[in-house]
Amino acid sequence: MEKFLYAGDFYPPLIKAALAHAQFETIHPFLDGNGRTGRLLTTFYLCKLGMLERPVLYLSEFFLTNRQSYYDALDEYHSEKGQVSAWLDFFLEGVAIISKQAIETSKKINSLRQRDIVKIQSLGRRAKTGAAVLEKLYKLPITSVRKVEEWTGLSRPQSNELVRKLVELGILVQKDKGIQYGREFWYTDYLELFLNKEEANEVIS
């Protein structure tokens, strides 16, 4: 399998990634975690092949949503007849669907970012540090006053005030409103872009 992964371009990249995933699951090298590892391998392998600049294609969602079809396609691949085409059809359909969803999510992220940048401009002299916090939130959407202090270099009272302003603007939401220490603040509008409706409702509550 390692030789196959590093071999030349005999197969188109998506076909090669599909075969690599199916073959990894056939080998099943670990006692546990083969499914998770195989799905991660697929995304990282597409990065290596130059199909992705970053590992943003979350195929696990498609595989788990269509769990039985996923298992059936792999079973046909593993069978004595070696029905490879059924697996390839399933895999490529997943890539098409998840790619389209990823593009739509990216557009929503850009729209959200533009909206919140406009909100932050109202902070006056704190607009620059507010914008710096916003950029960090796209990497770490669950934060705290201590973390904002680290990001901005502001004092604790100043960081507290900045977080309070971001809450007032509707950018951050305090998760546990009844506590004074160890408070968490969530960038919920961003998190909701990656959650289903039930998960989103749980985040908001």
N, C-alpha and C. Protein backbone atom coordinates (compact mmCIF):
# COMPACT_ATOMS: atom_id res chain seq x y z
N MET A 1 0.83 -1.20 0.00
CA MET A 1 0.00 0.00 0.00
C MET A 1 0.87 1.26 0.00
N GLU A 2 1.95 1.24 0.77
CA GLU A 2 2.85 2.39 0.80
C GLU A 2 3.42 2.68 -0.58
N LYS A 3 3.80 1.63 -1.32
CA LYS A 3 4.31 1.82 -2.68
C LYS A 3 3.24 2.43 -3.57
N PHE A 4 1.99 2.00 -3.38
CA PHE A 4 0.88 2.54 -4.16
C PHE A 4 0.70 4.03 -3.88
N LEU A 5 0.78 4.42 -2.59
CA LEU A 5 0.57 5.81 -2.21
C LEU A 5 1.62 6.72 -2.84
N TYR A 6 2.85 6.22 -2.98
CA TYR A 6 3.93 7.07 -3.47
C TYR A 6 4.26 6.81 -4.94
N ALA A 7 3.46 5.98 -5.58
CA ALA A 7 3.70 5.68 -6.99
C ALA A 7 3.33 6.88 -7.86
N GLY A 8 3.58 6.77 -9.15
CA GLY A 8 3.32 7.87 -10.09
C GLY A 8 1.84 8.12 -10.30
N ASP A 9 1.53 8.91 -11.31
CA ASP A 9 0.17 9.37 -11.55
C ASP A 9 -0.58 8.48 -12.53
N PHE A 10 -0.54 7.17 -12.29
CA PHE A 10 -1.25 6.25 -13.17
C PHE A 10 -2.77 6.44 -13.03
N TYR A 11 -3.22 6.71 -11.79
CA TYR A 11 -4.65 6.94 -11.54
C TYR A 11 -4.90 8.43 -11.30
N PRO A 12 -6.09 8.94 -11.68
CA PRO A 12 -6.46 10.31 -11.30
C PRO A 12 -6.48 10.42 -9.77
N PRO A 13 -6.18 11.60 -9.22
CA PRO A 13 -6.05 11.75 -7.76
C PRO A 13 -7.24 11.27 -6.94
N LEU A 14 -8.47 11.59 -7.37
CA LEU A 14 -9.63 11.19 -6.60
C LEU A 14 -9.81 9.67 -6.61
N ILE A 15 -9.54 9.05 -7.75
CA ILE A 15 -9.63 7.59 -7.83
C ILE A 15 -8.57 6.96 -6.93
N LYS A 16 -7.39 7.51 -6.95
CA LYS A 16 -6.30 6.98 -6.12
C LYS A 16 -6.63 7.12 -4.64
N ALA A 17 -7.19 8.25 -4.25
CA ALA A 17 -7.58 8.45 -2.85
C ALA A 17 -8.67 7.49 -2.44
N ALA A 18 -9.62 7.24 -3.34
CA ALA A 18 -10.70 6.30 -3.04
C ALA A 18 -10.15 4.89 -2.85
N LEU A 19 -9.26 4.47 -3.72
CA LEU A 19 -8.67 3.14 -3.61
C LEU A 19 -7.81 3.02 -2.36
N ALA A 20 -7.09 4.09 -2.02
CA ALA A 20 -6.24 4.08 -0.83
C ALA A 20 -7.09 3.90 0.43
N HIS A 21 -8.23 4.61 0.48
CA HIS A 21 -9.10 4.48 1.65
C HIS A 21 -9.65 3.06 1.78
N ALA A 22 -10.18 2.55 0.67
CA ALA A 22 -10.76 1.20 0.70
C ALA A 22 -9.71 0.16 1.05
N GLN A 23 -8.51 0.32 0.53
CA GLN A 23 -7.47 -0.66 0.80
C GLN A 23 -6.99 -0.58 2.25
N PHE A 24 -6.93 0.64 2.79
CA PHE A 24 -6.57 0.80 4.20
C PHE A 24 -7.58 0.07 5.08
N GLU A 25 -8.87 0.24 4.77
CA GLU A 25 -9.91 -0.43 5.56
C GLU A 25 -9.86 -1.95 5.36
N THR A 26 -9.38 -2.39 4.21
CA THR A 26 -9.22 -3.83 3.97
C THR A 26 -8.09 -4.39 4.83
N ILE A 27 -6.98 -3.67 4.88
CA ILE A 27 -5.85 -4.11 5.70
C ILE A 27 -6.19 -4.06 7.18
N HIS A 28 -6.92 -3.01 7.59
CA HIS A 28 -7.40 -2.87 8.98
C HIS A 28 -6.24 -3.08 9.96
N PRO A 29 -5.24 -2.21 9.92
CA PRO A 29 -3.99 -2.49 10.64
C PRO A 29 -4.03 -2.33 12.15
N PHE A 30 -5.02 -1.64 12.70
CA PHE A 30 -5.03 -1.35 14.13
C PHE A 30 -6.13 -2.11 14.84
N LEU A 31 -5.99 -2.25 16.15
CA LEU A 31 -7.03 -2.91 16.95
C LEU A 31 -8.27 -2.03 17.06
N ASP A 32 -8.07 -0.71 17.02
CA ASP A 32 -9.19 0.22 17.14
C ASP A 32 -8.86 1.49 16.35
N GLY A 33 -9.90 2.19 15.90
CA GLY A 33 -9.72 3.48 15.25
C GLY A 33 -9.39 3.42 13.77
N ASN A 34 -9.59 2.27 13.13
CA ASN A 34 -9.28 2.16 11.71
C ASN A 34 -10.16 3.06 10.85
N GLY A 35 -11.45 3.15 11.21
CA GLY A 35 -12.36 3.99 10.43
C GLY A 35 -11.96 5.46 10.50
N ARG A 36 -11.73 5.95 11.73
CA ARG A 36 -11.34 7.35 11.92
C ARG A 36 -10.02 7.64 11.21
N THR A 37 -9.06 6.74 11.38
CA THR A 37 -7.75 6.95 10.77
C THR A 37 -7.85 6.93 9.25
N GLY A 38 -8.64 6.00 8.72
CA GLY A 38 -8.81 5.91 7.27
C GLY A 38 -9.45 7.15 6.68
N ARG A 39 -10.42 7.72 7.39
CA ARG A 39 -11.09 8.92 6.89
C ARG A 39 -10.14 10.13 6.94
N LEU A 40 -9.35 10.22 8.01
CA LEU A 40 -8.35 11.29 8.08
C LEU A 40 -7.30 11.13 6.98
N LEU A 41 -6.89 9.89 6.78
CA LEU A 41 -5.89 9.60 5.76
C LEU A 41 -6.35 10.10 4.39
N THR A 42 -7.62 9.91 4.09
CA THR A 42 -8.16 10.33 2.80
C THR A 42 -8.00 11.82 2.59
N THR A 43 -8.39 12.61 3.59
CA THR A 43 -8.31 14.06 3.46
C THR A 43 -6.86 14.53 3.34
N PHE A 44 -5.99 13.99 4.19
CA PHE A 44 -4.58 14.40 4.15
C PHE A 44 -3.92 13.94 2.85
N TYR A 45 -4.34 12.80 2.34
CA TYR A 45 -3.76 12.29 1.10
C TYR A 45 -4.15 13.19 -0.07
N LEU A 46 -5.39 13.69 -0.06
CA LEU A 46 -5.81 14.62 -1.11
C LEU A 46 -5.01 15.92 -1.04
N CYS A 47 -4.60 16.31 0.17
CA CYS A 47 -3.70 17.47 0.31
C CYS A 47 -2.36 17.15 -0.33
N LYS A 48 -1.83 15.96 -0.05
CA LYS A 48 -0.54 15.57 -0.60
C LYS A 48 -0.57 15.53 -2.13
N LEU A 49 -1.69 15.10 -2.67
CA LEU A 49 -1.81 15.00 -4.13
C LEU A 49 -2.08 16.35 -4.79
N GLY A 50 -2.24 17.39 -3.98
CA GLY A 50 -2.46 18.72 -4.53
C GLY A 50 -3.90 19.05 -4.85
N MET A 51 -4.84 18.20 -4.43
CA MET A 51 -6.25 18.46 -4.68
C MET A 51 -6.83 19.47 -3.69
N LEU A 52 -6.22 19.56 -2.51
CA LEU A 52 -6.65 20.49 -1.47
C LEU A 52 -5.44 21.28 -0.99
N GLU A 53 -5.65 22.57 -0.73
CA GLU A 53 -4.58 23.36 -0.12
C GLU A 53 -4.55 23.12 1.38
N ARG A 54 -5.72 22.89 1.97
CA ARG A 54 -5.84 22.63 3.40
C ARG A 54 -6.81 21.46 3.59
N PRO A 55 -6.73 20.76 4.73
CA PRO A 55 -7.61 19.61 4.95
C PRO A 55 -9.03 20.01 5.33
N VAL A 56 -9.76 20.58 4.36
CA VAL A 56 -11.09 21.12 4.64
C VAL A 56 -12.23 20.24 4.11
N LEU A 57 -11.89 19.12 3.49
CA LEU A 57 -12.93 18.25 2.93
C LEU A 57 -13.29 17.20 3.98
N TYR A 58 -14.43 17.40 4.64
CA TYR A 58 -14.81 16.55 5.77
C TYR A 58 -15.68 15.39 5.28
N LEU A 59 -15.04 14.40 4.67
CA LEU A 59 -15.78 13.26 4.11
C LEU A 59 -16.41 12.40 5.18
N SER A 60 -15.90 12.46 6.41
CA SER A 60 -16.48 11.67 7.49
C SER A 60 -17.98 11.93 7.63
N GLU A 61 -18.38 13.18 7.42
CA GLU A 61 -19.79 13.53 7.56
C GLU A 61 -20.63 12.73 6.57
N PHE A 62 -20.18 12.64 5.32
CA PHE A 62 -20.92 11.89 4.31
C PHE A 62 -20.92 10.40 4.62
N PHE A 63 -19.77 9.86 5.01
CA PHE A 63 -19.68 8.43 5.31
C PHE A 63 -20.57 8.05 6.49
N LEU A 64 -20.59 8.89 7.53
CA LEU A 64 -21.37 8.56 8.72
C LEU A 64 -22.86 8.81 8.50
N THR A 65 -23.19 9.83 7.71
CA THR A 65 -24.61 10.08 7.39
C THR A 65 -25.18 8.93 6.56
N ASN A 66 -24.34 8.38 5.69
CA ASN A 66 -24.75 7.27 4.82
C ASN A 66 -24.01 6.00 5.24
N ARG A 67 -24.06 5.73 6.54
CA ARG A 67 -23.25 4.67 7.14
C ARG A 67 -23.46 3.31 6.48
N GLN A 68 -24.75 2.92 6.28
CA GLN A 68 -25.01 1.60 5.72
C GLN A 68 -24.52 1.50 4.28
N SER A 69 -24.74 2.54 3.50
CA SER A 69 -24.26 2.54 2.11
C SER A 69 -22.73 2.49 2.07
N TYR A 70 -22.12 3.16 3.02
CA TYR A 70 -20.65 3.15 3.14
C TYR A 70 -20.16 1.73 3.41
N TYR A 71 -20.77 1.06 4.38
CA TYR A 71 -20.38 -0.32 4.70
C TYR A 71 -20.65 -1.26 3.53
N ASP A 72 -21.81 -1.07 2.88
CA ASP A 72 -22.17 -1.95 1.76
C ASP A 72 -21.17 -1.80 0.61
N ALA A 73 -20.80 -0.55 0.32
CA ALA A 73 -19.85 -0.31 -0.78
C ALA A 73 -18.48 -0.92 -0.46
N LEU A 74 -18.05 -0.78 0.80
CA LEU A 74 -16.77 -1.39 1.19
C LEU A 74 -16.84 -2.91 1.16
N ASP A 75 -18.00 -3.46 1.58
CA ASP A 75 -18.17 -4.92 1.54
C ASP A 75 -18.07 -5.44 0.11
N GLU A 76 -18.67 -4.72 -0.83
CA GLU A 76 -18.59 -5.13 -2.23
C GLU A 76 -17.15 -5.05 -2.74
N TYR A 77 -16.43 -4.05 -2.28
CA TYR A 77 -15.03 -3.90 -2.64
C TYR A 77 -14.22 -5.09 -2.10
N HIS A 78 -14.55 -5.50 -0.87
CA HIS A 78 -13.81 -6.59 -0.22
C HIS A 78 -14.21 -7.97 -0.73
N SER A 79 -15.34 -8.06 -1.42
CA SER A 79 -15.88 -9.36 -1.82
C SER A 79 -14.98 -10.06 -2.84
N GLU A 80 -15.25 -11.35 -3.04
CA GLU A 80 -14.44 -12.12 -3.99
C GLU A 80 -14.56 -11.55 -5.40
N LYS A 81 -15.72 -10.99 -5.72
CA LYS A 81 -15.90 -10.40 -7.05
C LYS A 81 -15.17 -9.07 -7.19
N GLY A 82 -14.87 -8.45 -6.04
CA GLY A 82 -14.13 -7.19 -6.07
C GLY A 82 -14.85 -6.09 -6.84
N GLN A 83 -16.06 -5.74 -6.38
CA GLN A 83 -16.87 -4.72 -7.05
C GLN A 83 -16.30 -3.33 -6.74
N VAL A 84 -15.25 -2.98 -7.42
CA VAL A 84 -14.57 -1.71 -7.16
C VAL A 84 -15.42 -0.52 -7.60
N SER A 85 -16.14 -0.67 -8.70
CA SER A 85 -16.88 0.47 -9.27
C SER A 85 -17.94 1.00 -8.32
N ALA A 86 -18.60 0.11 -7.55
CA ALA A 86 -19.63 0.56 -6.61
C ALA A 86 -19.02 1.45 -5.53
N TRP A 87 -17.84 1.05 -5.06
CA TRP A 87 -17.15 1.86 -4.07
C TRP A 87 -16.73 3.21 -4.65
N LEU A 88 -16.18 3.20 -5.87
CA LEU A 88 -15.75 4.45 -6.49
C LEU A 88 -16.93 5.40 -6.70
N ASP A 89 -18.08 4.85 -7.13
CA ASP A 89 -19.27 5.68 -7.33
C ASP A 89 -19.68 6.34 -6.02
N PHE A 90 -19.69 5.56 -4.95
CA PHE A 90 -20.09 6.08 -3.64
C PHE A 90 -19.11 7.16 -3.17
N PHE A 91 -17.82 6.88 -3.29
CA PHE A 91 -16.79 7.81 -2.83
C PHE A 91 -16.87 9.13 -3.60
N LEU A 92 -16.97 9.06 -4.91
CA LEU A 92 -16.99 10.28 -5.74
C LEU A 92 -18.26 11.09 -5.50
N GLU A 93 -19.37 10.39 -5.26
CA GLU A 93 -20.61 11.11 -4.91
C GLU A 93 -20.40 11.89 -3.62
N GLY A 94 -19.74 11.27 -2.65
CA GLY A 94 -19.47 11.94 -1.38
C GLY A 94 -18.59 13.16 -1.56
N VAL A 95 -17.56 13.05 -2.37
CA VAL A 95 -16.67 14.18 -2.64
C VAL A 95 -17.45 15.33 -3.25
N ALA A 96 -18.32 15.02 -4.22
CA ALA A 96 -19.10 16.06 -4.89
C ALA A 96 -20.03 16.78 -3.90
N ILE A 97 -20.72 16.00 -3.07
CA ILE A 97 -21.68 16.59 -2.13
C ILE A 97 -20.97 17.42 -1.07
N ILE A 98 -19.93 16.87 -0.46
CA ILE A 98 -19.23 17.57 0.61
C ILE A 98 -18.48 18.79 0.08
N SER A 99 -17.96 18.71 -1.15
CA SER A 99 -17.28 19.87 -1.75
C SER A 99 -18.26 21.03 -1.92
N LYS A 100 -19.45 20.71 -2.40
CA LYS A 100 -20.46 21.76 -2.58
C LYS A 100 -20.83 22.39 -1.24
N GLN A 101 -20.99 21.55 -0.21
CA GLN A 101 -21.32 22.06 1.12
C GLN A 101 -20.19 22.93 1.66
N ALA A 102 -18.93 22.51 1.42
CA ALA A 102 -17.78 23.27 1.90
C ALA A 102 -17.72 24.64 1.26
N ILE A 103 -18.05 24.72 -0.03
CA ILE A 103 -18.06 26.00 -0.73
C ILE A 103 -19.13 26.92 -0.14
N GLU A 104 -20.31 26.37 0.11
CA GLU A 104 -21.39 27.17 0.69
C GLU A 104 -21.02 27.65 2.08
N THR A 105 -20.39 26.78 2.88
CA THR A 105 -19.97 27.17 4.22
C THR A 105 -18.92 28.27 4.16
N SER A 106 -18.00 28.17 3.22
CA SER A 106 -16.97 29.20 3.05
C SER A 106 -17.59 30.56 2.72
N LYS A 107 -18.60 30.55 1.87
CA LYS A 107 -19.29 31.80 1.52
C LYS A 107 -19.97 32.39 2.75
N LYS A 108 -20.57 31.53 3.57
CA LYS A 108 -21.25 32.01 4.78
C LYS A 108 -20.25 32.58 5.79
N ILE A 109 -19.07 31.94 5.88
CA ILE A 109 -18.03 32.44 6.78
C ILE A 109 -17.59 33.82 6.34
N ASN A 110 -17.39 34.02 5.04
CA ASN A 110 -16.98 35.33 4.53
C ASN A 110 -18.03 36.40 4.81
N SER A 111 -19.30 36.03 4.63
CA SER A 111 -20.38 36.98 4.90
C SER A 111 -20.43 37.34 6.39
N LEU A 112 -20.28 36.32 7.25
CA LEU A 112 -20.29 36.54 8.69
C LEU A 112 -19.13 37.44 9.11
N ARG A 113 -17.96 37.19 8.53
CA ARG A 113 -16.77 37.99 8.86
C ARG A 113 -16.99 39.45 8.48
N GLN A 114 -17.51 39.69 7.30
CA GLN A 114 -17.75 41.06 6.87
C GLN A 114 -18.77 41.76 7.77
N ARG A 115 -19.81 41.03 8.15
CA ARG A 115 -20.83 41.59 9.03
C ARG A 115 -20.24 41.99 10.38
N ASP A 116 -19.41 41.11 10.95
CA ASP A 116 -18.87 41.37 12.28
C ASP A 116 -17.75 42.40 12.26
N ILE A 117 -17.04 42.53 11.15
CA ILE A 117 -16.05 43.60 11.03
C ILE A 117 -16.75 44.97 11.09
N VAL A 118 -17.90 45.05 10.42
CA VAL A 118 -18.68 46.30 10.46
C VAL A 118 -19.11 46.60 11.89
N LYS A 119 -19.56 45.58 12.62
CA LYS A 119 -19.97 45.78 14.02
C LYS A 119 -18.80 46.30 14.85
N ILE A 120 -17.63 45.72 14.64
CA ILE A 120 -16.46 46.06 15.46
C ILE A 120 -16.00 47.50 15.20
N GLN A 121 -16.27 48.04 14.03
CA GLN A 121 -15.88 49.42 13.74
C GLN A 121 -16.53 50.40 14.72
N SER A 122 -17.63 49.99 15.32
CA SER A 122 -18.33 50.87 16.27
C SER A 122 -17.62 50.95 17.62
N LEU A 123 -16.55 50.17 17.81
CA LEU A 123 -15.85 50.15 19.09
C LEU A 123 -14.88 51.33 19.24
N GLY A 124 -14.74 52.13 18.22
CA GLY A 124 -13.87 53.30 18.32
C GLY A 124 -12.41 52.90 18.50
N ARG A 125 -11.79 53.38 19.59
CA ARG A 125 -10.36 53.12 19.80
C ARG A 125 -10.07 51.66 20.09
N ARG A 126 -11.08 50.87 20.41
CA ARG A 126 -10.89 49.45 20.65
C ARG A 126 -11.18 48.62 19.39
N ALA A 127 -11.43 49.29 18.26
CA ALA A 127 -11.77 48.56 17.03
C ALA A 127 -10.60 47.69 16.56
N LYS A 128 -9.37 48.19 16.70
CA LYS A 128 -8.21 47.43 16.24
C LYS A 128 -8.02 46.15 17.04
N THR A 129 -8.10 46.26 18.37
CA THR A 129 -7.95 45.05 19.19
C THR A 129 -9.17 44.14 19.03
N GLY A 130 -10.34 44.73 18.83
CA GLY A 130 -11.53 43.92 18.59
C GLY A 130 -11.40 43.10 17.32
N ALA A 131 -10.84 43.73 16.27
CA ALA A 131 -10.63 43.03 15.00
C ALA A 131 -9.60 41.91 15.17
N ALA A 132 -8.58 42.15 16.00
CA ALA A 132 -7.57 41.12 16.25
C ALA A 132 -8.19 39.91 16.95
N VAL A 133 -9.09 40.18 17.90
CA VAL A 133 -9.79 39.08 18.59
C VAL A 133 -10.67 38.31 17.61
N LEU A 134 -11.36 39.04 16.73
CA LEU A 134 -12.23 38.39 15.75
C LEU A 134 -11.45 37.40 14.89
N GLU A 135 -10.27 37.79 14.43
CA GLU A 135 -9.46 36.90 13.60
C GLU A 135 -9.06 35.64 14.38
N LYS A 136 -8.76 35.79 15.65
CA LYS A 136 -8.39 34.65 16.49
C LYS A 136 -9.57 33.71 16.70
N LEU A 137 -10.78 34.28 16.72
CA LEU A 137 -11.97 33.46 16.97
C LEU A 137 -12.23 32.45 15.86
N TYR A 138 -11.70 32.70 14.67
CA TYR A 138 -11.89 31.74 13.59
C TYR A 138 -11.01 30.51 13.78
N LYS A 139 -10.00 30.62 14.64
CA LYS A 139 -9.18 29.46 14.98
C LYS A 139 -9.62 28.84 16.31
N LEU A 140 -10.12 29.70 17.22
CA LEU A 140 -10.53 29.23 18.54
C LEU A 140 -11.84 29.93 18.91
N PRO A 141 -12.99 29.39 18.46
CA PRO A 141 -14.26 30.09 18.64
C PRO A 141 -14.85 30.02 20.04
N ILE A 142 -14.20 29.30 20.94
CA ILE A 142 -14.60 29.28 22.35
C ILE A 142 -13.44 29.88 23.13
N THR A 143 -13.69 31.01 23.81
CA THR A 143 -12.58 31.74 24.41
C THR A 143 -12.93 32.17 25.83
N SER A 144 -12.04 32.97 26.41
CA SER A 144 -12.19 33.46 27.78
C SER A 144 -11.54 34.83 27.87
N VAL A 145 -11.77 35.52 28.97
CA VAL A 145 -11.14 36.82 29.17
C VAL A 145 -9.62 36.65 29.22
N ARG A 146 -9.16 35.59 29.88
CA ARG A 146 -7.72 35.34 29.96
C ARG A 146 -7.10 35.16 28.56
N LYS A 147 -7.81 34.44 27.70
CA LYS A 147 -7.30 34.21 26.35
C LYS A 147 -7.29 35.51 25.55
N VAL A 148 -8.31 36.34 25.71
CA VAL A 148 -8.34 37.64 25.03
C VAL A 148 -7.19 38.51 25.51
N GLU A 149 -6.89 38.41 26.79
CA GLU A 149 -5.75 39.15 27.36
C GLU A 149 -4.44 38.71 26.68
N GLU A 150 -4.29 37.39 26.46
CA GLU A 150 -3.10 36.88 25.78
C GLU A 150 -3.04 37.35 24.33
N TRP A 151 -4.19 37.35 23.66
CA TRP A 151 -4.23 37.72 22.25
C TRP A 151 -3.90 39.19 22.02
N THR A 152 -4.34 40.06 22.93
CA THR A 152 -4.28 41.50 22.69
C THR A 152 -3.18 42.22 23.46
N GLY A 153 -2.72 41.63 24.56
CA GLY A 153 -1.75 42.32 25.40
C GLY A 153 -2.40 43.36 26.30
N LEU A 154 -3.73 43.42 26.34
CA LEU A 154 -4.45 44.34 27.21
C LEU A 154 -4.40 43.85 28.65
N SER A 155 -4.65 44.74 29.56
CA SER A 155 -4.75 44.35 30.97
C SER A 155 -6.02 43.55 31.18
N ARG A 156 -6.13 42.90 32.35
CA ARG A 156 -7.34 42.11 32.63
C ARG A 156 -8.60 42.98 32.62
N PRO A 157 -8.61 44.15 33.29
CA PRO A 157 -9.83 44.98 33.22
C PRO A 157 -10.17 45.41 31.79
N GLN A 158 -9.15 45.75 31.00
CA GLN A 158 -9.39 46.16 29.61
C GLN A 158 -9.92 44.99 28.78
N SER A 159 -9.38 43.80 29.02
CA SER A 159 -9.85 42.61 28.31
C SER A 159 -11.28 42.29 28.69
N ASN A 160 -11.60 42.44 29.97
CA ASN A 160 -12.97 42.24 30.44
C ASN A 160 -13.92 43.18 29.73
N GLU A 161 -13.51 44.43 29.60
CA GLU A 161 -14.35 45.43 28.96
C GLU A 161 -14.53 45.12 27.48
N LEU A 162 -13.46 44.68 26.81
CA LEU A 162 -13.55 44.35 25.39
C LEU A 162 -14.48 43.16 25.18
N VAL A 163 -14.36 42.15 26.02
CA VAL A 163 -15.26 40.99 25.92
C VAL A 163 -16.70 41.43 26.14
N ARG A 164 -16.92 42.31 27.12
CA ARG A 164 -18.27 42.80 27.39
C ARG A 164 -18.84 43.50 26.15
N LYS A 165 -18.01 44.29 25.48
CA LYS A 165 -18.45 44.98 24.28
C LYS A 165 -18.78 43.99 23.15
N LEU A 166 -17.98 42.94 23.02
CA LEU A 166 -18.23 41.94 21.98
C LEU A 166 -19.51 41.17 22.27
N VAL A 167 -19.82 40.99 23.53
CA VAL A 167 -21.10 40.36 23.90
C VAL A 167 -22.25 41.29 23.54
N GLU A 168 -22.11 42.57 23.86
CA GLU A 168 -23.15 43.54 23.54
C GLU A 168 -23.41 43.61 22.03
N LEU A 169 -22.35 43.45 21.24
CA LEU A 169 -22.48 43.49 19.78
C LEU A 169 -23.08 42.21 19.22
N GLY A 170 -23.21 41.18 20.06
CA GLY A 170 -23.78 39.91 19.60
C GLY A 170 -22.76 39.02 18.91
N ILE A 171 -21.47 39.34 19.05
CA ILE A 171 -20.43 38.50 18.44
C ILE A 171 -20.11 37.33 19.35
N LEU A 172 -19.95 37.60 20.64
CA LEU A 172 -19.71 36.55 21.62
C LEU A 172 -20.95 36.33 22.48
N VAL A 173 -21.10 35.11 22.96
CA VAL A 173 -22.19 34.76 23.88
C VAL A 173 -21.57 34.05 25.07
N GLN A 174 -21.91 34.53 26.30
CA GLN A 174 -21.41 33.84 27.48
C GLN A 174 -22.19 32.55 27.67
N LYS A 175 -21.46 31.43 27.74
CA LYS A 175 -22.11 30.13 27.80
C LYS A 175 -22.78 29.90 29.15
N ASP A 176 -22.06 30.17 30.25
CA ASP A 176 -22.60 29.95 31.59
C ASP A 176 -22.78 31.30 32.27
N LYS A 177 -23.96 31.86 32.11
CA LYS A 177 -24.19 33.23 32.56
C LYS A 177 -24.27 33.36 34.08
N GLY A 178 -24.41 32.24 34.78
CA GLY A 178 -24.55 32.32 36.23
C GLY A 178 -23.26 32.27 37.01
N ILE A 179 -22.12 32.21 36.33
CA ILE A 179 -20.85 32.10 37.04
C ILE A 179 -20.01 33.36 36.85
N GLN A 180 -19.10 33.60 37.80
CA GLN A 180 -18.23 34.78 37.74
C GLN A 180 -16.82 34.43 37.29
N TYR A 181 -16.37 33.22 37.60
CA TYR A 181 -14.99 32.82 37.29
C TYR A 181 -14.99 31.65 36.31
N GLY A 182 -13.97 31.60 35.48
CA GLY A 182 -13.88 30.52 34.49
C GLY A 182 -14.94 30.62 33.41
N ARG A 183 -15.36 31.85 33.10
CA ARG A 183 -16.42 32.03 32.10
C ARG A 183 -15.93 31.68 30.70
N GLU A 184 -16.82 31.07 29.92
CA GLU A 184 -16.54 30.77 28.52
C GLU A 184 -17.42 31.65 27.64
N PHE A 185 -16.82 32.16 26.58
CA PHE A 185 -17.55 32.98 25.61
C PHE A 185 -17.44 32.33 24.24
N TRP A 186 -18.59 32.10 23.61
CA TRP A 186 -18.65 31.34 22.36
C TRP A 186 -18.99 32.24 21.20
N TYR A 187 -18.30 32.01 20.10
CA TYR A 187 -18.63 32.68 18.84
C TYR A 187 -19.68 31.81 18.15
N THR A 188 -20.90 31.91 18.65
CA THR A 188 -21.94 30.95 18.27
C THR A 188 -22.34 31.03 16.81
N ASP A 189 -22.38 32.24 16.24
CA ASP A 189 -22.79 32.36 14.83
C ASP A 189 -21.83 31.60 13.92
N TYR A 190 -20.57 31.57 14.30
CA TYR A 190 -19.56 30.82 13.53
C TYR A 190 -19.71 29.32 13.78
N LEU A 191 -19.86 28.94 15.03
CA LEU A 191 -19.99 27.51 15.37
C LEU A 191 -21.21 26.89 14.70
N GLU A 192 -22.30 27.65 14.62
CA GLU A 192 -23.53 27.12 14.05
C GLU A 192 -23.39 26.73 12.58
N LEU A 193 -22.42 27.31 11.89
CA LEU A 193 -22.22 26.98 10.48
C LEU A 193 -21.75 25.54 10.30
N PHE A 194 -21.24 24.94 11.38
CA PHE A 194 -20.70 23.59 11.29
C PHE A 194 -21.55 22.57 12.04
N LEU A 195 -22.70 23.01 12.58
CA LEU A 195 -23.53 22.12 13.38
C LEU A 195 -24.89 21.91 12.72
N ASN A 196 -25.52 20.76 13.06
CA ASN A 196 -26.89 20.57 12.60
C ASN A 196 -27.83 21.35 13.53
N LYS A 197 -29.12 21.34 13.24
CA LYS A 197 -30.07 22.16 13.97
C LYS A 197 -30.13 21.81 15.46
N GLU A 198 -30.13 20.51 15.79
CA GLU A 198 -30.19 20.11 17.19
C GLU A 198 -28.95 20.56 17.94
N GLU A 199 -27.79 20.39 17.33
CA GLU A 199 -26.53 20.82 17.96
C GLU A 199 -26.50 22.33 18.12
N ALA A 200 -27.00 23.04 17.11
CA ALA A 200 -27.01 24.51 17.17
C ALA A 200 -27.88 25.00 18.31
N ASN A 201 -29.05 24.40 18.48
CA ASN A 201 -29.93 24.78 19.57
C ASN A 201 -29.29 24.54 20.92
N GLU A 202 -28.52 23.44 21.04
CA GLU A 202 -27.83 23.13 22.27
C GLU A 202 -26.75 24.16 22.56
N VAL A 203 -26.06 24.62 21.52
CA VAL A 203 -25.01 25.64 21.67
C VAL A 203 -25.62 26.94 22.18
N ILE A 204 -26.73 27.34 21.56
CA ILE A 204 -27.37 28.61 21.93
C ILE A 204 -27.87 28.57 23.36
N SER A 205 -28.44 27.43 23.79
CA SER A 205 -28.99 27.31 25.13
C SER A 205 -27.88 27.21 26.17
